[in-house]
Amino acid sequence: MTDGHDGGHGRRRAARWALAGGITTVAALIAGLPWIRQDRLPGRLATHWSGGTAPDGSMPLWAASLVPAAVWLVLALALSVRWRRSWSGPRPWVAVALVPTGVVLVGAQASVVGANLDRTDWHQAHQPVWWVAVTLALAAASGALAWRLAVRANAAEPPAGTPELDLAPDERLVWFSRTANPWLQLLSAVTGLIAVGAVVGLALGLAPAASLWPACAACALASVAGGVCSSVQAKVSEAGLEVSFGPLGWPVRRWSPDALVSARAERRLPSQVGGWGYRLSGLGTTVMLRAGDCLVVRPRGRRSDFAVSVDDAERGAALLNALRARLAEPGR
């Protein structure tokens, strides 16, 4: 098996950007929710309930805004910062711990705002029990999703220092390469959190539905599109070429070796194909996540190429052509 990838440094940098963007966005949501409707909130907010419907603790609006945001930042830093140099390698459990924690804190803050909305005194606030259940369900679902993504990313990363093999003609050939764009990942995460915030606002009546629905729909669409187009993995095996998109590896495009006319490596720039992401241009279809080498194939019966920006594209093209040549040999 031979492996080409964008390098551990690039993956670590993308992960750091995504982590920093997610932590910052959650902190902004927690701190900002009370201020969005401060004109409809009392001077002090009920912030604690001991199991009953009547609150037994309160904070001024500024404290109700900043204290939970500070708690989130302390927890996030404690989990994400590498305090010892001996800690090395990917730590997928960080995302598994932070994602549901962030959902719980944002949901709790939204619950506090909803309980105090249009109250003249914090003693009149009532905790919406149904919202607590919704928050816990969302936290559980987000934790499960974070676990699946973290395990997938960890499994896709090859061990450091794996040697390359010289393959004999009769051996099975496998090659894969993965590329991610940290800016598209950050955009997807931020717009997704904004969409969630808009849904929270709709559920609690923090703003008119006519103004929140367009923002929610637009941000949700941008988040999904950005997530799908933010990373790509190309794989060449006996089955041919497989190109999968996004953190879940879906959707997938596949071509068998005999379905391709040619394969080559070619250097392309975003300016040549019209920008970043999934682009259609005079060069054909290009999945452009970073400038540089691209694996370019010509499907049989097509007049245009399909290209994907991955490292080690020349080796991937050579292996794909070797598979095509093997099928063309007599007796096969």
Protein backbone atom coordinates (compact mmCIF):
# COMPACT_ATOMS: atom_id res chain seq x y z
CA MET A 1 0.00 0.00 0.00
CA THR A 2 1.23 3.51 -0.75
CA ASP A 3 -0.06 6.60 0.94
CA GLY A 4 -0.08 10.30 -0.01
CA HIS A 5 -1.56 12.90 2.30
CA ASP A 6 -1.35 16.61 3.06
CA GLY A 7 0.94 16.04 6.05
CA GLY A 8 0.41 15.99 9.78
CA HIS A 9 1.27 19.67 10.09
CA GLY A 10 -1.53 20.74 7.76
CA ARG A 11 -4.08 18.57 9.57
CA ARG A 12 -3.01 19.86 12.95
CA ARG A 13 -3.23 23.45 11.77
CA ALA A 14 -6.71 22.90 10.32
CA ALA A 15 -7.78 21.23 13.57
CA ARG A 16 -6.45 24.15 15.63
CA TRP A 17 -8.32 26.68 13.49
CA ALA A 18 -11.55 24.70 13.71
CA LEU A 19 -11.16 24.28 17.48
CA ALA A 20 -10.41 27.97 18.06
CA GLY A 21 -13.31 29.04 15.85
CA GLY A 22 -15.74 26.69 17.59
CA ILE A 23 -14.66 27.79 21.09
CA THR A 24 -14.93 31.48 20.16
CA THR A 25 -18.35 31.09 18.54
CA VAL A 26 -19.80 29.18 21.50
CA ALA A 27 -18.44 31.80 23.92
CA ALA A 28 -20.00 34.57 21.81
CA LEU A 29 -23.36 32.79 21.78
CA ILE A 30 -23.36 32.26 25.54
CA ALA A 31 -22.34 35.84 26.30
CA GLY A 32 -24.54 37.42 23.64
CA LEU A 33 -27.89 35.69 24.21
CA PRO A 34 -28.90 37.80 27.26
CA TRP A 35 -28.06 41.04 25.46
CA ILE A 36 -30.13 40.26 22.36
CA ARG A 37 -33.35 40.84 24.32
CA GLN A 38 -32.13 42.91 27.25
CA ASP A 39 -35.07 45.28 26.72
CA ARG A 40 -37.42 42.41 27.58
CA LEU A 41 -35.48 41.13 30.60
CA PRO A 42 -35.52 42.26 34.24
CA GLY A 43 -32.50 43.92 35.85
CA ARG A 44 -31.55 40.65 37.53
CA LEU A 45 -32.05 37.27 35.88
CA ALA A 46 -33.15 34.09 37.59
CA THR A 47 -30.26 31.70 36.99
CA HIS A 48 -30.80 28.78 39.37
CA TRP A 49 -33.61 26.39 40.18
CA SER A 50 -33.45 23.66 42.80
CA GLY A 51 -35.89 21.28 41.20
CA GLY A 52 -39.02 23.37 41.67
CA THR A 53 -40.68 25.89 39.42
CA ALA A 54 -39.64 28.87 41.55
CA PRO A 55 -36.08 30.19 41.10
CA ASP A 56 -33.77 30.43 44.12
CA GLY A 57 -30.80 32.28 42.62
CA SER A 58 -30.20 35.30 40.42
CA MET A 59 -27.48 37.41 38.81
CA PRO A 60 -27.34 40.84 37.20
CA LEU A 61 -27.56 40.72 33.43
CA TRP A 62 -23.84 41.34 32.87
CA ALA A 63 -22.90 38.49 35.25
CA ALA A 64 -25.47 36.13 33.75
CA SER A 65 -23.82 36.87 30.41
CA LEU A 66 -20.13 36.69 31.32
CA VAL A 67 -19.96 34.02 34.06
CA PRO A 68 -21.17 31.06 31.95
CA ALA A 69 -19.04 32.29 29.03
CA ALA A 70 -16.02 32.36 31.33
CA VAL A 71 -16.84 28.85 32.59
CA TRP A 72 -16.95 27.64 29.00
CA LEU A 73 -13.62 29.26 28.13
CA VAL A 74 -11.91 27.80 31.20
CA LEU A 75 -13.22 24.31 30.42
CA ALA A 76 -12.32 24.62 26.74
CA LEU A 77 -8.78 25.77 27.49
CA ALA A 78 -8.29 23.11 30.15
CA LEU A 79 -9.28 20.38 27.67
CA SER A 80 -7.68 21.69 24.48
CA VAL A 81 -4.34 23.18 25.55
CA ARG A 82 -1.41 20.76 25.61
CA TRP A 83 0.03 21.45 29.03
CA ARG A 84 2.93 19.01 28.63
CA ARG A 85 5.16 18.50 25.63
CA SER A 86 4.93 14.76 26.15
CA TRP A 87 1.34 14.95 24.92
CA SER A 88 1.57 14.24 21.22
CA GLY A 89 -0.56 12.99 18.40
CA PRO A 90 -4.29 13.54 17.79
CA ARG A 91 -6.63 13.65 20.78
CA PRO A 92 -10.09 12.94 19.36
CA TRP A 93 -11.66 12.86 22.83
CA VAL A 94 -11.25 16.66 23.04
CA ALA A 95 -13.99 17.22 20.45
CA VAL A 96 -16.13 14.49 22.02
CA ALA A 97 -15.94 16.33 25.38
CA LEU A 98 -16.24 19.90 24.12
CA VAL A 99 -19.08 19.58 21.61
CA PRO A 100 -21.83 18.31 23.97
CA THR A 101 -20.56 20.60 26.74
CA GLY A 102 -20.92 23.60 24.45
CA VAL A 103 -24.43 22.49 23.44
CA VAL A 104 -25.45 22.13 27.10
CA LEU A 105 -24.11 25.58 28.06
CA VAL A 106 -25.69 27.32 25.07
CA GLY A 107 -28.97 25.50 25.74
CA ALA A 108 -28.83 26.43 29.44
CA GLN A 109 -28.23 30.07 28.58
CA ALA A 110 -31.11 30.04 26.11
CA SER A 111 -33.28 28.46 28.83
CA VAL A 112 -32.35 31.22 31.29
CA VAL A 113 -33.20 33.92 28.76
CA GLY A 114 -36.51 32.25 27.90
CA ALA A 115 -37.45 31.85 31.56
CA ASN A 116 -36.88 35.55 32.28
CA LEU A 117 -38.33 36.91 29.07
CA ASP A 118 -40.97 39.63 29.67
CA ARG A 119 -40.74 39.24 33.47
CA THR A 120 -40.66 42.34 35.64
CA ASP A 121 -38.93 40.50 38.49
CA TRP A 122 -36.68 37.47 38.48
CA HIS A 123 -38.87 35.73 41.09
CA GLN A 124 -41.55 35.40 38.38
CA ALA A 125 -39.31 33.37 36.07
CA HIS A 126 -40.31 29.77 35.30
CA GLN A 127 -37.86 27.21 34.00
CA PRO A 128 -39.08 25.64 30.72
CA VAL A 129 -38.64 21.95 31.57
CA TRP A 130 -39.25 20.89 27.97
CA TRP A 131 -36.28 22.96 26.84
CA VAL A 132 -34.01 21.16 29.32
CA ALA A 133 -35.02 17.86 27.75
CA VAL A 134 -34.41 19.24 24.24
CA THR A 135 -30.97 20.51 25.27
CA LEU A 136 -29.94 17.17 26.73
CA ALA A 137 -31.15 15.35 23.63
CA LEU A 138 -29.20 17.71 21.37
CA ALA A 139 -26.10 17.30 23.55
CA ALA A 140 -26.32 13.52 23.32
CA ALA A 141 -26.78 13.63 19.54
CA SER A 142 -23.92 16.09 19.04
CA GLY A 143 -21.66 14.00 21.27
CA ALA A 144 -22.40 10.88 19.22
CA LEU A 145 -21.74 12.76 15.97
CA ALA A 146 -18.47 14.21 17.34
CA TRP A 147 -17.38 10.72 18.38
CA ARG A 148 -18.06 9.31 14.93
CA LEU A 149 -16.20 12.13 13.18
CA ALA A 150 -13.25 11.94 15.59
CA VAL A 151 -12.91 8.17 15.22
CA ARG A 152 -13.11 8.48 11.42
CA ALA A 153 -10.45 11.21 11.32
CA ASN A 154 -8.16 9.27 13.65
CA ALA A 155 -8.53 6.07 11.63
CA ALA A 156 -7.86 7.89 8.34
CA GLU A 157 -4.54 9.26 9.56
CA PRO A 158 -1.67 6.86 8.92
CA PRO A 159 1.00 6.23 11.55
CA ALA A 160 3.97 8.58 11.46
CA GLY A 161 6.97 7.23 9.63
CA THR A 162 5.10 4.49 7.75
CA PRO A 163 7.55 3.27 5.06
CA GLU A 164 6.66 3.22 1.40
CA LEU A 165 6.62 -0.15 -0.38
CA ASP A 166 7.87 -1.10 -3.83
CA LEU A 167 5.00 -3.06 -5.27
CA ALA A 168 5.48 -6.02 -7.56
CA PRO A 169 3.30 -6.19 -10.69
CA ASP A 170 0.99 -8.84 -9.23
CA GLU A 171 0.42 -7.10 -5.90
CA ARG A 172 -2.75 -5.22 -5.14
CA LEU A 173 -2.34 -1.45 -5.33
CA VAL A 174 -3.93 1.01 -2.94
CA TRP A 175 -3.32 4.76 -2.72
CA PHE A 176 -5.16 7.48 -0.90
CA SER A 177 -4.72 11.18 -0.25
CA ARG A 178 -6.76 13.58 1.81
CA THR A 179 -6.93 17.39 1.76
CA ALA A 180 -8.91 19.81 3.94
CA ASN A 181 -9.42 23.56 3.74
CA PRO A 182 -9.46 25.00 7.30
CA TRP A 183 -11.19 28.22 6.21
CA LEU A 184 -14.10 26.35 4.67
CA GLN A 185 -14.28 24.15 7.78
CA LEU A 186 -14.34 27.24 10.00
CA LEU A 187 -17.03 28.86 7.82
CA SER A 188 -19.12 25.69 8.04
CA ALA A 189 -18.79 25.53 11.83
CA VAL A 190 -19.61 29.22 12.38
CA THR A 191 -22.63 29.28 10.05
CA GLY A 192 -23.86 26.05 11.62
CA LEU A 193 -23.71 27.54 15.10
CA ILE A 194 -25.49 30.68 13.86
CA ALA A 195 -28.22 28.48 12.40
CA VAL A 196 -28.57 26.68 15.75
CA GLY A 197 -28.72 30.04 17.51
CA ALA A 198 -31.44 31.17 15.14
CA VAL A 199 -33.45 28.00 15.89
CA VAL A 200 -33.05 28.70 19.61
CA GLY A 201 -34.27 32.24 19.04
CA LEU A 202 -37.29 30.97 17.14
CA ALA A 203 -38.12 28.44 19.86
CA LEU A 204 -37.91 31.04 22.62
CA GLY A 205 -39.46 33.90 20.67
CA LEU A 206 -36.39 36.10 21.01
CA ALA A 207 -37.04 37.72 17.64
CA PRO A 208 -39.80 37.79 15.01
CA ALA A 209 -39.96 34.58 12.99
CA ALA A 210 -40.03 36.54 9.74
CA SER A 211 -36.54 37.87 10.44
CA LEU A 212 -35.00 34.67 11.84
CA TRP A 213 -36.22 32.07 9.34
CA PRO A 214 -34.28 33.50 6.34
CA ALA A 215 -31.09 33.76 8.44
CA CYS A 216 -31.57 30.24 9.79
CA ALA A 217 -32.16 28.74 6.34
CA ALA A 218 -29.26 30.62 4.73
CA CYS A 219 -26.79 29.72 7.47
CA ALA A 220 -27.91 26.07 7.55
CA LEU A 221 -27.45 25.80 3.78
CA ALA A 222 -24.03 27.49 3.97
CA SER A 223 -22.98 25.18 6.79
CA VAL A 224 -23.95 22.01 4.94
CA ALA A 225 -22.40 23.17 1.65
CA GLY A 226 -19.23 24.33 3.38
CA GLY A 227 -18.93 21.08 5.33
CA VAL A 228 -19.33 18.93 2.23
CA CYS A 229 -16.84 20.99 0.21
CA SER A 230 -14.28 21.58 3.00
CA SER A 231 -12.45 18.25 2.77
CA VAL A 232 -11.94 15.52 0.21
CA GLN A 233 -10.29 12.10 0.08
CA ALA A 234 -9.20 10.33 -3.08
CA LYS A 235 -8.56 6.60 -3.13
CA VAL A 236 -7.18 4.41 -5.91
CA SER A 237 -7.59 0.66 -5.55
CA GLU A 238 -8.42 -2.39 -7.65
CA ALA A 239 -11.97 -1.00 -7.86
CA GLY A 240 -10.72 2.22 -9.48
CA LEU A 241 -10.95 5.81 -8.28
CA GLU A 242 -13.14 6.85 -5.36
CA VAL A 243 -13.51 10.50 -4.34
CA SER A 244 -15.42 11.15 -1.10
CA PHE A 245 -16.42 14.52 0.28
CA GLY A 246 -16.83 16.07 3.72
CA PRO A 247 -16.11 14.73 7.21
CA LEU A 248 -18.61 11.88 6.80
CA GLY A 249 -17.15 10.75 3.49
CA TRP A 250 -20.37 11.45 1.63
CA PRO A 251 -21.31 12.01 -1.14
CA VAL A 252 -18.96 9.75 -3.11
CA ARG A 253 -18.01 9.66 -6.79
CA ARG A 254 -16.58 6.44 -8.20
CA TRP A 255 -15.03 5.34 -11.50
CA SER A 256 -13.80 1.84 -12.30
CA PRO A 257 -10.42 1.66 -14.08
CA ASP A 258 -12.01 0.80 -17.44
CA ALA A 259 -14.37 3.79 -17.08
CA LEU A 260 -11.41 6.18 -17.38
CA VAL A 261 -9.57 7.20 -20.52
CA SER A 262 -6.57 8.78 -18.79
CA ALA A 263 -5.16 9.97 -15.47
CA ARG A 264 -2.49 12.58 -14.85
CA ALA A 265 -1.17 15.10 -12.33
CA GLU A 266 -1.57 18.78 -13.09
CA ARG A 267 -0.90 21.97 -11.17
CA ARG A 268 -3.96 24.21 -10.88
CA LEU A 269 -4.77 27.46 -9.08
CA PRO A 270 -8.10 28.72 -7.69
CA SER A 271 -7.93 31.62 -10.16
CA GLN A 272 -7.93 29.12 -13.04
CA VAL A 273 -11.08 27.31 -11.95
CA GLY A 274 -13.11 30.19 -10.50
CA GLY A 275 -12.42 29.93 -6.76
CA TRP A 276 -12.55 27.42 -3.93
CA GLY A 277 -14.74 24.38 -3.42
CA TYR A 278 -16.58 22.39 -6.10
CA ARG A 279 -15.99 24.41 -9.26
CA LEU A 280 -17.14 24.11 -12.89
CA SER A 281 -14.98 25.86 -15.47
CA GLY A 282 -13.47 25.49 -18.91
CA LEU A 283 -11.07 22.96 -17.42
CA GLY A 284 -13.98 20.76 -16.38
CA THR A 285 -14.94 19.93 -12.79
CA THR A 286 -12.37 20.74 -10.10
CA VAL A 287 -12.56 20.13 -6.36
CA MET A 288 -10.26 23.00 -5.33
CA LEU A 289 -9.28 23.04 -1.66
CA ARG A 290 -5.71 24.28 -2.02
CA ALA A 291 -3.53 25.49 -4.87
CA GLY A 292 -1.07 23.01 -6.33
CA ASP A 293 -1.06 19.47 -7.67
CA CYS A 294 -4.35 17.91 -8.71
CA LEU A 295 -5.24 14.38 -9.73
CA VAL A 296 -6.97 14.80 -13.11
CA VAL A 297 -8.93 12.03 -14.83
CA ARG A 298 -10.90 11.91 -18.08
CA PRO A 299 -14.01 9.69 -17.75
CA ARG A 300 -14.84 7.61 -20.80
CA GLY A 301 -17.44 9.24 -23.03
CA ARG A 302 -16.78 12.72 -21.55
CA ARG A 303 -15.05 15.68 -23.18
CA SER A 304 -14.14 17.32 -19.90
CA ASP A 305 -11.91 16.33 -16.98
CA PHE A 306 -12.54 15.77 -13.30
CA ALA A 307 -9.78 17.06 -10.99
CA VAL A 308 -9.28 16.95 -7.24
CA SER A 309 -6.59 18.88 -5.36
CA VAL A 310 -4.69 16.28 -3.33
CA ASP A 311 -1.03 15.74 -2.54
CA ASP A 312 1.02 13.06 -4.23
CA ALA A 313 -1.27 13.30 -7.24
CA GLU A 314 1.41 12.03 -9.63
CA ARG A 315 1.69 8.72 -7.78
CA GLY A 316 -2.08 8.34 -7.65
CA ALA A 317 -2.31 8.93 -11.40
CA ALA A 318 0.52 6.45 -12.05
CA LEU A 319 -1.17 3.74 -9.99
CA LEU A 320 -4.49 4.39 -11.67
CA ASN A 321 -2.86 4.11 -15.11
CA ALA A 322 -1.15 0.89 -13.98
CA LEU A 323 -4.54 -0.57 -13.08
CA ARG A 324 -5.92 0.45 -16.46
CA ALA A 325 -2.95 -1.14 -18.22
CA ARG A 326 -3.33 -4.33 -16.19
CA LEU A 327 -6.96 -4.67 -17.31
CA ALA A 328 -5.87 -4.17 -20.93
CA GLU A 329 -3.38 -7.06 -20.76
CA PRO A 330 -4.32 -10.19 -22.77
CA GLY A 331 -6.13 -12.80 -20.74
CA ARG A 332 -7.65 -10.31 -18.31
